[in-house]
């Protein structure tokens, strides 16, 4: 009983009384009641002081255990986690078989997980669930989760694909879903591969527009207008998101690391076919190599796995055609 009266006079009364005193102070100020205004202001200061001291007392002198909040959190977590694993009517468990590189044995070893999924779950959702619920050591690369960045490229059921665009229910069988890293790129860890060489080959083809007049380039006086026909020549090849799936699917890339690769070559044609570009023959000369367009065997697997329909195989054949025309005519054909 004594503690409740102390709390009333030290906490609740100042907490409610100070705003009332301040409102009365403002009224007295407008009516010119100087003496009353000074008294109200003094009482408000006293109330604030009492409230502040009582607040410090609650923090530093209170008998409450310092770890009570942490203990409450720890007791709640075990109650939530089992419920999260319960299946709803529209859910089911799917077996994920993940091939992970073991640095000790120097081979890819299979590791099996049971993942709760629904009809909207993607392979990336399943992998993230594994990482969060079962195995935090599992590594994969991802970013946008909507098929734009191209970061989550991997091999799903033997075919290179974007994990964020691959639906689990549409691709699993009685054996589950098998996920492995792309072996057309150097392996770093688990499902993460090294793209340094891939990007170097992309840079090799100069993936940007060239203009001969530098003053025009940096101080343009008009737009570079294009007709629909001019746009159609390169637009289908401009949708590349550099996911690396085409390079992983290409049999030549997997047997000859020197091959420039379908992604870089398709981008070489994309800029060559652009009517705004003036690099011309120099672009063709850059890929007119044995490790360039002539190493392509036209297997077509690169175009089959492209998630954006870029068709790199067709772009490489168009480059070959332009090189032959250029050599046969003795000069650059008109675009």
Protein backbone atom coordinates (compact mmCIF):
# COMPACT_ATOMS: atom_id res chain seq x y z
CA UNK A 1 0.00 0.00 0.00
CA UNK A 2 2.82 2.34 0.90
CA UNK A 3 4.57 1.62 -2.44
CA UNK A 4 1.40 2.47 -4.39
CA UNK A 5 1.10 5.89 -2.66
CA UNK A 6 4.75 6.63 -3.36
CA UNK A 7 4.25 5.74 -7.05
CA UNK A 8 1.18 8.00 -7.17
CA UNK A 9 2.99 11.08 -5.83
CA UNK A 10 6.33 10.50 -7.62
CA UNK A 11 5.20 9.18 -11.01
CA UNK A 12 1.53 9.47 -11.88
CA UNK A 13 0.72 12.86 -10.28
CA UNK A 14 3.70 14.69 -11.90
CA UNK A 15 3.06 12.90 -15.20
CA UNK A 16 -0.55 14.13 -15.33
CA UNK A 17 -0.05 17.41 -13.47
CA UNK A 18 2.82 18.90 -15.46
CA UNK A 19 0.82 19.23 -18.74
CA UNK A 20 -2.08 20.81 -16.81
CA UNK A 21 0.27 23.31 -15.16
CA UNK A 22 1.80 24.20 -18.53
CA UNK A 23 -1.65 24.81 -20.07
CA UNK A 24 -2.58 27.03 -17.10
CA UNK A 25 0.75 28.84 -17.51
CA UNK A 26 -0.05 29.65 -21.16
CA UNK A 27 -3.51 30.98 -20.19
CA UNK A 28 -2.00 33.16 -17.44
CA UNK A 29 0.59 34.43 -19.90
CA UNK A 30 -2.06 35.63 -22.36
CA UNK A 31 -4.13 37.29 -19.60
CA UNK A 32 -1.09 39.04 -18.10
CA UNK A 33 -1.31 37.34 -14.68
CA UNK A 34 2.39 37.61 -13.90
CA UNK A 35 2.36 36.37 -10.28
CA UNK A 36 0.20 33.34 -11.04
CA UNK A 37 2.27 32.62 -14.14
CA UNK A 38 5.51 32.50 -12.08
CA UNK A 39 3.91 30.19 -9.49
CA UNK A 40 2.64 27.80 -12.19
CA UNK A 41 6.01 27.74 -13.91
CA UNK A 42 7.74 26.88 -10.63
CA UNK A 43 5.31 24.06 -9.89
CA UNK A 44 5.84 22.65 -13.40
CA UNK A 45 9.61 22.64 -12.88
CA UNK A 46 9.21 20.86 -9.55
CA UNK A 47 6.92 18.26 -11.17
CA UNK A 48 9.39 17.64 -13.98
CA UNK A 49 12.19 17.22 -11.48
CA UNK A 50 10.26 14.71 -9.38
CA UNK A 51 9.20 12.77 -12.48
CA UNK A 52 12.79 12.67 -13.76
CA UNK A 53 14.23 11.45 -10.46
CA UNK A 54 11.54 8.77 -10.15
CA UNK A 55 12.27 7.61 -13.70
CA UNK A 56 15.99 7.24 -12.94
CA UNK A 57 15.07 5.32 -9.80
CA UNK A 58 12.98 2.87 -11.82
CA UNK A 59 15.89 2.25 -14.17
CA UNK A 60 18.81 1.98 -11.79
CA UNK A 61 17.34 1.07 -8.39
CA UNK A 62 14.42 -1.20 -9.35
CA UNK A 63 14.44 -4.76 -7.95
CA UNK A 64 13.36 -6.18 -11.37
CA UNK A 65 15.92 -8.68 -12.81
CA UNK A 66 18.08 -7.10 -15.49
CA UNK A 67 17.75 -10.13 -17.78
CA UNK A 68 13.95 -10.49 -17.56
CA UNK A 69 13.34 -9.25 -21.13
CA UNK A 70 15.98 -11.55 -22.58
CA UNK A 71 14.56 -14.53 -20.68
CA UNK A 72 11.05 -13.80 -21.99
CA UNK A 73 12.33 -13.80 -25.58
CA UNK A 74 14.12 -17.10 -25.07
CA UNK A 75 10.99 -18.77 -23.70
CA UNK A 76 8.83 -17.59 -26.63
CA UNK A 77 11.11 -18.83 -29.46
CA UNK A 78 10.72 -22.57 -28.79
CA UNK A 79 6.93 -22.16 -28.88
CA UNK A 80 6.95 -20.43 -32.33
CA UNK A 81 9.46 -22.56 -34.23
CA UNK A 82 7.53 -25.88 -34.13
CA UNK A 83 4.37 -24.14 -35.36
CA UNK A 84 6.29 -22.74 -38.32
CA UNK A 85 7.11 -26.26 -39.47
CA UNK A 86 3.50 -27.45 -39.39
CA UNK A 87 1.93 -28.03 -42.79
CA UNK A 88 -1.15 -26.25 -44.00
CA UNK A 89 -3.58 -27.83 -46.44
CA UNK A 90 -1.89 -26.21 -49.46
CA UNK A 91 1.67 -27.10 -48.42
CA UNK A 92 3.90 -30.15 -48.65
CA UNK A 93 7.47 -31.15 -47.94
CA UNK A 94 9.81 -31.51 -50.92
CA UNK A 95 13.21 -33.16 -50.81
CA UNK A 96 16.05 -30.87 -51.89
CA UNK A 97 19.28 -32.59 -52.94
CA UNK A 98 22.05 -29.99 -52.91
CA UNK A 99 25.45 -30.78 -54.40
CA UNK A 100 28.12 -29.05 -52.34
CA UNK A 101 31.85 -29.00 -52.93
CA UNK A 102 33.87 -30.65 -50.18
CA UNK A 103 37.37 -29.10 -50.08
CA UNK A 104 38.70 -32.14 -48.22
CA UNK A 105 37.65 -34.74 -50.79
CA UNK A 106 37.72 -32.30 -53.75
CA UNK A 107 34.39 -33.62 -55.06
CA UNK A 108 30.75 -32.53 -55.08
CA UNK A 109 28.84 -34.31 -52.35
CA UNK A 110 25.06 -34.58 -52.10
CA UNK A 111 23.28 -33.25 -49.03
CA UNK A 112 19.55 -33.83 -48.54
CA UNK A 113 17.04 -31.49 -46.89
CA UNK A 114 13.28 -31.55 -46.37
CA UNK A 115 11.74 -28.19 -47.27
CA UNK A 116 8.18 -26.99 -46.67
CA UNK A 117 6.77 -25.52 -49.90
CA UNK A 118 3.54 -24.31 -51.45
CA UNK A 119 2.48 -23.92 -55.07
CA UNK A 120 4.19 -20.51 -55.31
CA UNK A 121 7.54 -21.56 -53.82
CA UNK A 122 10.63 -21.16 -55.99
CA UNK A 123 13.91 -23.04 -55.73
CA UNK A 124 15.49 -19.92 -54.25
CA UNK A 125 12.75 -19.79 -51.59
CA UNK A 126 13.55 -23.39 -50.69
CA UNK A 127 17.29 -22.73 -50.46
CA UNK A 128 16.74 -19.68 -48.27
CA UNK A 129 14.46 -21.75 -46.04
CA UNK A 130 17.22 -24.36 -45.71
CA UNK A 131 19.72 -21.66 -44.80
CA UNK A 132 17.38 -20.14 -42.20
CA UNK A 133 15.89 -23.27 -40.65
CA UNK A 134 18.32 -26.16 -41.16
CA UNK A 135 21.82 -25.29 -42.36
CA UNK A 136 23.16 -21.71 -42.04
CA UNK A 137 26.43 -22.75 -43.73
CA UNK A 138 24.76 -23.23 -47.12
CA UNK A 139 25.91 -20.48 -49.50
CA UNK A 140 24.25 -19.16 -52.65
CA UNK A 141 24.24 -15.89 -54.56
CA UNK A 142 20.99 -13.93 -55.00
CA UNK A 143 19.73 -10.36 -55.04
CA UNK A 144 16.51 -9.17 -56.69
CA UNK A 145 14.52 -12.46 -56.41
CA UNK A 146 12.48 -11.50 -59.50
CA UNK A 147 14.53 -12.57 -62.54
CA UNK A 148 16.22 -9.23 -63.22
CA UNK A 149 19.70 -9.29 -61.66
CA UNK A 150 20.71 -12.78 -62.82
CA UNK A 151 22.60 -13.47 -59.57
CA UNK A 152 20.96 -16.77 -58.60
CA UNK A 153 22.04 -18.81 -61.61
CA UNK A 154 22.59 -22.49 -60.80
CA UNK A 155 21.84 -25.94 -62.19
CA UNK A 156 18.38 -27.30 -61.29
CA UNK A 157 17.65 -30.92 -62.24
CA UNK A 158 20.59 -30.88 -64.65
CA UNK A 159 19.63 -27.67 -66.48
CA UNK A 160 21.07 -24.17 -65.87
CA UNK A 161 18.31 -21.90 -64.58
CA UNK A 162 17.56 -18.92 -62.36
CA UNK A 163 16.54 -20.25 -58.96
CA UNK A 164 14.15 -17.34 -58.36
CA UNK A 165 12.20 -18.16 -61.54
CA UNK A 166 12.07 -21.95 -61.12
CA UNK A 167 8.87 -23.15 -59.45
CA UNK A 168 9.37 -26.08 -57.09
CA UNK A 169 6.09 -27.92 -57.70
CA UNK A 170 6.44 -27.72 -61.48
CA UNK A 171 9.96 -29.17 -61.45
CA UNK A 172 10.18 -31.76 -58.69
CA UNK A 173 9.72 -35.49 -59.13
CA UNK A 174 9.52 -38.41 -56.75
CA UNK A 175 13.28 -38.04 -56.32
CA UNK A 176 12.88 -34.41 -55.26
CA UNK A 177 14.79 -31.45 -56.70
CA UNK A 178 18.52 -31.62 -57.35
CA UNK A 179 20.45 -28.34 -57.17
CA UNK A 180 24.12 -27.94 -58.05
CA UNK A 181 26.51 -25.09 -58.92
CA UNK A 182 27.25 -24.03 -62.49
CA UNK A 183 30.43 -25.83 -63.52
CA UNK A 184 31.05 -23.58 -66.53
CA UNK A 185 32.53 -21.10 -64.05
CA UNK A 186 35.16 -21.62 -61.33
CA UNK A 187 33.55 -22.78 -58.11
CA UNK A 188 33.98 -20.72 -54.94
CA UNK A 189 31.70 -22.38 -52.39
CA UNK A 190 28.55 -24.50 -52.48
CA UNK A 191 26.36 -22.84 -55.17
CA UNK A 192 28.54 -19.72 -55.57
CA UNK A 193 30.76 -19.46 -58.66
CA UNK A 194 33.44 -16.99 -59.74
CA UNK A 195 32.41 -14.59 -62.52
CA UNK A 196 35.69 -12.66 -62.92
CA UNK A 197 36.64 -14.38 -66.21
CA UNK A 198 33.05 -14.07 -67.45
CA UNK A 199 33.02 -10.29 -66.93
CA UNK A 200 36.51 -9.91 -68.44
CA UNK A 201 35.25 -11.51 -71.66
CA UNK A 202 32.23 -9.22 -71.60
CA UNK A 203 34.52 -6.17 -71.33
CA UNK A 204 36.73 -7.57 -74.13
CA UNK A 205 34.05 -6.94 -76.79
CA UNK A 206 33.73 -3.23 -75.80
CA UNK A 207 30.05 -3.30 -74.74
CA UNK A 208 29.32 0.37 -75.34
CA UNK A 209 28.70 2.70 -78.27
CA UNK A 210 31.55 4.33 -80.21
CA UNK A 211 31.26 7.75 -81.83
CA UNK A 212 34.05 9.16 -84.01
CA UNK A 213 33.31 12.82 -83.26
CA UNK A 214 34.25 13.33 -79.62
CA UNK A 215 32.74 16.81 -79.47
CA UNK A 216 29.43 15.34 -80.66
CA UNK A 217 29.75 12.58 -78.08
CA UNK A 218 30.12 14.88 -75.09
CA UNK A 219 28.14 17.84 -76.42
CA UNK A 220 25.29 16.40 -78.51
CA UNK A 221 23.07 18.85 -80.32
CA UNK A 222 20.26 16.43 -81.20
CA UNK A 223 18.83 13.00 -80.45
CA UNK A 224 20.08 9.88 -82.17
CA UNK A 225 16.78 8.98 -83.83
CA UNK A 226 16.20 5.40 -84.96
CA UNK A 227 13.56 3.79 -87.10
CA UNK A 228 11.67 0.72 -85.93
CA UNK A 229 13.68 -1.42 -88.35
CA UNK A 230 16.96 -0.12 -86.93
CA UNK A 231 15.75 -0.78 -83.39
CA UNK A 232 14.60 -4.31 -84.19
CA UNK A 233 18.11 -5.25 -85.37
CA UNK A 234 19.66 -5.06 -81.90
CA UNK A 235 16.83 -4.81 -79.35
CA UNK A 236 16.27 -8.60 -78.91
CA UNK A 237 19.96 -8.93 -77.96
CA UNK A 238 19.92 -6.07 -75.46
CA UNK A 239 17.89 -7.96 -72.85
CA UNK A 240 20.93 -9.84 -71.53
CA UNK A 241 21.16 -9.76 -67.70
CA UNK A 242 24.60 -11.46 -67.60
CA UNK A 243 23.38 -14.39 -65.54
CA UNK A 244 25.99 -16.72 -67.07
CA UNK A 245 23.53 -19.55 -67.82
CA UNK A 246 24.40 -19.56 -71.53
CA UNK A 247 28.10 -19.95 -70.79
CA UNK A 248 27.42 -22.81 -68.39
CA UNK A 249 25.23 -24.62 -70.94
CA UNK A 250 27.72 -24.15 -73.81
CA UNK A 251 29.74 -27.35 -74.49
CA UNK A 252 32.62 -25.32 -75.94
CA UNK A 253 32.95 -23.10 -72.85
CA UNK A 254 33.11 -26.25 -70.71
CA UNK A 255 35.94 -27.73 -72.78
CA UNK A 256 37.85 -24.64 -73.93
CA UNK A 257 38.30 -21.86 -71.34
CA UNK A 258 39.79 -19.58 -74.03
CA UNK A 259 36.49 -19.36 -75.92
CA UNK A 260 35.01 -15.86 -75.55
CA UNK A 261 31.61 -17.39 -74.96
CA UNK A 262 28.02 -16.85 -76.15
CA UNK A 263 27.20 -14.00 -73.78
CA UNK A 264 30.07 -11.74 -74.82
CA UNK A 265 29.65 -12.55 -78.52
CA UNK A 266 25.91 -11.81 -78.47
CA UNK A 267 26.69 -8.43 -76.93
CA UNK A 268 29.32 -7.80 -79.57
CA UNK A 269 26.61 -8.18 -82.20
CA UNK A 270 24.17 -6.09 -80.17
CA UNK A 271 26.48 -3.06 -80.41
CA UNK A 272 27.60 -3.80 -83.97
CA UNK A 273 23.97 -3.85 -85.15
CA UNK A 274 23.15 -0.56 -83.39
CA UNK A 275 22.85 2.22 -85.99
CA UNK A 276 24.26 4.73 -83.49
CA UNK A 277 27.56 2.86 -83.23
CA UNK A 278 30.50 3.77 -85.50
CA UNK A 279 33.06 1.13 -84.45
CA UNK A 280 32.27 -0.91 -87.58
CA UNK A 281 35.06 -3.21 -88.75
CA UNK A 282 37.00 -2.93 -85.51
CA UNK A 283 34.19 -4.76 -83.70
CA UNK A 284 34.23 -7.60 -86.21
CA UNK A 285 38.01 -7.83 -86.06
CA UNK A 286 37.86 -8.17 -82.30
CA UNK A 287 35.80 -11.38 -82.49
CA UNK A 288 37.14 -12.72 -85.81
CA UNK A 289 39.32 -15.21 -83.95
CA UNK A 290 39.55 -18.94 -83.43
CA UNK A 291 38.62 -18.38 -79.80
CA UNK A 292 35.89 -16.01 -80.98
CA UNK A 293 33.00 -16.70 -83.36
CA UNK A 294 34.79 -19.54 -85.17
CA UNK A 295 34.96 -21.67 -82.04
CA UNK A 296 31.17 -21.78 -81.80
CA UNK A 297 29.78 -25.19 -82.83
CA UNK A 298 26.18 -23.93 -83.01
CA UNK A 299 24.89 -26.43 -80.45
CA UNK A 300 22.16 -23.95 -79.53
CA UNK A 301 22.11 -24.88 -75.84
CA UNK A 302 22.98 -21.29 -74.88
CA UNK A 303 19.78 -19.99 -76.45
CA UNK A 304 17.70 -22.78 -74.93
CA UNK A 305 18.56 -21.85 -71.32
CA UNK A 306 18.50 -18.04 -71.68
CA UNK A 307 15.79 -16.73 -69.31
CA UNK A 308 15.30 -13.57 -71.39
CA UNK A 309 15.14 -15.09 -74.88
CA UNK A 310 18.28 -13.35 -76.13
CA UNK A 311 19.27 -16.19 -78.53
CA UNK A 312 23.09 -15.90 -78.39
CA UNK A 313 23.53 -18.74 -80.91
CA UNK A 314 21.72 -16.71 -83.57
CA UNK A 315 23.76 -13.60 -82.75
CA UNK A 316 27.01 -15.52 -83.27
CA UNK A 317 25.86 -16.76 -86.68
CA UNK A 318 24.97 -13.19 -87.65
CA UNK A 319 28.48 -12.11 -86.65
CA UNK A 320 29.98 -14.84 -88.83
CA UNK A 321 27.85 -13.65 -91.74
CA UNK A 322 28.98 -10.04 -91.32
CA UNK A 323 32.65 -11.08 -91.14
CA UNK A 324 32.37 -13.13 -94.33
CA UNK A 325 30.57 -10.27 -96.12
CA UNK A 326 33.23 -7.84 -94.99
CA UNK A 327 36.08 -10.09 -96.20
CA UNK A 328 34.34 -10.88 -99.48
CA UNK A 329 33.45 -7.27 -100.32
CA UNK A 330 36.81 -5.93 -99.19
CA UNK A 331 35.21 -3.35 -96.97
CA UNK A 332 32.45 -2.74 -94.50
CA UNK A 333 28.93 -3.39 -95.76
CA UNK A 334 26.38 -0.72 -94.98
CA UNK A 335 24.33 -1.34 -91.88
